[in-house]
Amino acid sequence: MYRDLLQIPAEHQFIRTDMKWDIGKKQDIDTFWYDEKNPVGDVIAKYVVKVTKYIYPPKKSDISFQKYSADALSLLAEGELK
């Protein structure tokens, strides 16, 4: 799902490397970490995807992402996914 939203090329691997769930009184936040690998297997970018689920009406979800360089030192892009 996130692969398509982030427009990762089909020939690249998109591998989840970690995840964390934070449960709160008003919202839950699921955080996922991914590596994007090129066809040769080199990591070319790292992603952090956060899904915020609101418990009370209207019970919506927001999905945001941050894209980092392969060494995770430079933020390359960030935004909302729909």
C-alpha atoms as a PDB file:
ATOM      1  CA  MET A   1       0.000   0.000   0.000  1.00  0.00           C
ATOM      2  CA  TYR A   2       2.653   2.563   1.029  1.00  0.00           C
ATOM      3  CA  ARG A   3       4.860   1.424  -1.829  1.00  0.00           C
ATOM      4  CA  ASP A   4       2.223   2.592  -4.317  1.00  0.00           C
ATOM      5  CA  LEU A   5       1.502   5.827  -2.456  1.00  0.00           C
ATOM      6  CA  LEU A   6       5.222   6.651  -2.353  1.00  0.00           C
ATOM      7  CA  GLN A   7       5.619   5.680  -6.039  1.00  0.00           C
ATOM      8  CA  ILE A   8       8.461   3.227  -5.454  1.00  0.00           C
ATOM      9  CA  PRO A   9       9.483   1.729  -8.849  1.00  0.00           C
ATOM     10  CA  ALA A  10       8.424  -1.886  -9.391  1.00  0.00           C
ATOM     11  CA  GLU A  11      12.030  -3.002  -9.913  1.00  0.00           C
ATOM     12  CA  HIS A  12      13.041  -1.681  -6.468  1.00  0.00           C
ATOM     13  CA  GLN A  13      12.617  -3.530  -3.189  1.00  0.00           C
ATOM     14  CA  PHE A  14      10.670  -1.827  -0.400  1.00  0.00           C
ATOM     15  CA  ILE A  15      11.510  -3.572   2.855  1.00  0.00           C
ATOM     16  CA  ARG A  16      10.028  -2.850   6.278  1.00  0.00           C
ATOM     17  CA  THR A  17      12.881  -2.733   8.794  1.00  0.00           C
ATOM     18  CA  ASP A  18      11.044  -1.770  11.999  1.00  0.00           C
ATOM     19  CA  MET A  19       7.678  -0.765  13.429  1.00  0.00           C
ATOM     20  CA  LYS A  20       6.283   0.769  16.594  1.00  0.00           C
ATOM     21  CA  TRP A  21       2.770   1.270  17.966  1.00  0.00           C
ATOM     22  CA  ASP A  22       1.910   4.088  20.368  1.00  0.00           C
ATOM     23  CA  ILE A  23      -1.531   3.791  21.919  1.00  0.00           C
ATOM     24  CA  GLY A  24      -3.020   6.943  23.409  1.00  0.00           C
ATOM     25  CA  LYS A  25      -6.352   8.053  24.796  1.00  0.00           C
ATOM     26  CA  LYS A  26      -7.392  10.080  21.746  1.00  0.00           C
ATOM     27  CA  GLN A  27      -5.212   8.671  18.978  1.00  0.00           C
ATOM     28  CA  ASP A  28      -2.995   5.752  18.053  1.00  0.00           C
ATOM     29  CA  ILE A  29       0.207   6.300  16.090  1.00  0.00           C
ATOM     30  CA  ASP A  30       1.737   3.459  14.077  1.00  0.00           C
ATOM     31  CA  THR A  31       5.264   4.158  12.826  1.00  0.00           C
ATOM     32  CA  PHE A  32       6.933   2.077  10.123  1.00  0.00           C
ATOM     33  CA  TRP A  33      10.527   2.249   8.864  1.00  0.00           C
ATOM     34  CA  TYR A  34      11.397   1.098   5.334  1.00  0.00           C
ATOM     35  CA  ASP A  35      14.481   0.766   3.144  1.00  0.00           C
ATOM     36  CA  GLU A  36      14.248   1.245  -0.611  1.00  0.00           C
ATOM     37  CA  LYS A  37      16.779  -0.884  -2.492  1.00  0.00           C
ATOM     38  CA  ASN A  38      17.696  -0.602  -6.158  1.00  0.00           C
ATOM     39  CA  PRO A  39      17.793  -3.700  -8.410  1.00  0.00           C
ATOM     40  CA  VAL A  40      21.428  -4.350  -7.398  1.00  0.00           C
ATOM     41  CA  GLY A  41      20.415  -4.452  -3.705  1.00  0.00           C
ATOM     42  CA  ASP A  42      21.938  -1.155  -2.560  1.00  0.00           C
ATOM     43  CA  VAL A  43      19.890   0.950  -0.127  1.00  0.00           C
ATOM     44  CA  ILE A  44      19.115   4.184  -1.938  1.00  0.00           C
ATOM     45  CA  ALA A  45      16.619   5.752   0.484  1.00  0.00           C
ATOM     46  CA  LYS A  46      15.043   5.259   3.890  1.00  0.00           C
ATOM     47  CA  TYR A  47      11.447   6.085   4.799  1.00  0.00           C
ATOM     48  CA  VAL A  48       9.499   6.721   7.972  1.00  0.00           C
ATOM     49  CA  VAL A  49       5.730   6.345   7.564  1.00  0.00           C
ATOM     50  CA  LYS A  50       3.416   7.442  10.391  1.00  0.00           C
ATOM     51  CA  VAL A  51      -0.241   6.496  10.529  1.00  0.00           C
ATOM     52  CA  THR A  52      -2.245   8.516  13.045  1.00  0.00           C
ATOM     53  CA  LYS A  53      -5.634   6.960  13.840  1.00  0.00           C
ATOM     54  CA  TYR A  54      -8.099   9.124  15.726  1.00  0.00           C
ATOM     55  CA  ILE A  55     -10.231   7.122  18.149  1.00  0.00           C
ATOM     56  CA  TYR A  56     -13.138   9.544  18.517  1.00  0.00           C
ATOM     57  CA  PRO A  57     -15.484  10.594  15.709  1.00  0.00           C
ATOM     58  CA  PRO A  58     -14.976  11.194  12.912  1.00  0.00           C
ATOM     59  CA  LYS A  59     -12.494   8.303  13.393  1.00  0.00           C
ATOM     60  CA  LYS A  60     -10.203   9.336  10.571  1.00  0.00           C
ATOM     61  CA  SER A  61      -6.606   8.439   9.768  1.00  0.00           C
ATOM     62  CA  ASP A  62      -3.741  10.612   8.589  1.00  0.00           C
ATOM     63  CA  ILE A  63      -0.674   9.158   6.867  1.00  0.00           C
ATOM     64  CA  SER A  64       2.570  11.128   6.666  1.00  0.00           C
ATOM     65  CA  PHE A  65       6.029  10.212   5.434  1.00  0.00           C
ATOM     66  CA  GLN A  66       9.622  11.341   5.567  1.00  0.00           C
ATOM     67  CA  LYS A  67      12.178  10.216   2.984  1.00  0.00           C
ATOM     68  CA  TYR A  68      15.855  10.186   3.954  1.00  0.00           C
ATOM     69  CA  SER A  69      19.112   9.576   2.140  1.00  0.00           C
ATOM     70  CA  ALA A  70      20.604   6.075   2.327  1.00  0.00           C
ATOM     71  CA  ASP A  71      22.753   7.103   5.303  1.00  0.00           C
ATOM     72  CA  ALA A  72      19.629   8.558   7.019  1.00  0.00           C
ATOM     73  CA  LEU A  73      21.384  11.898   7.559  1.00  0.00           C
ATOM     74  CA  SER A  74      19.591  14.059   4.995  1.00  0.00           C
ATOM     75  CA  LEU A  75      15.848  14.611   4.772  1.00  0.00           C
ATOM     76  CA  LEU A  76      14.977  14.461   1.073  1.00  0.00           C
ATOM     77  CA  ALA A  77      11.176  14.831   1.164  1.00  0.00           C
ATOM     78  CA  GLU A  78       8.215  14.814   3.491  1.00  0.00           C
ATOM     79  CA  GLY A  79       4.483  15.152   3.236  1.00  0.00           C
ATOM     80  CA  GLU A  80       1.046  13.602   3.542  1.00  0.00           C
ATOM     81  CA  LEU A  81      -0.144  10.490   1.732  1.00  0.00           C
ATOM     82  CA  LYS A  82      -3.732  10.045   0.635  1.00  0.00           C
END
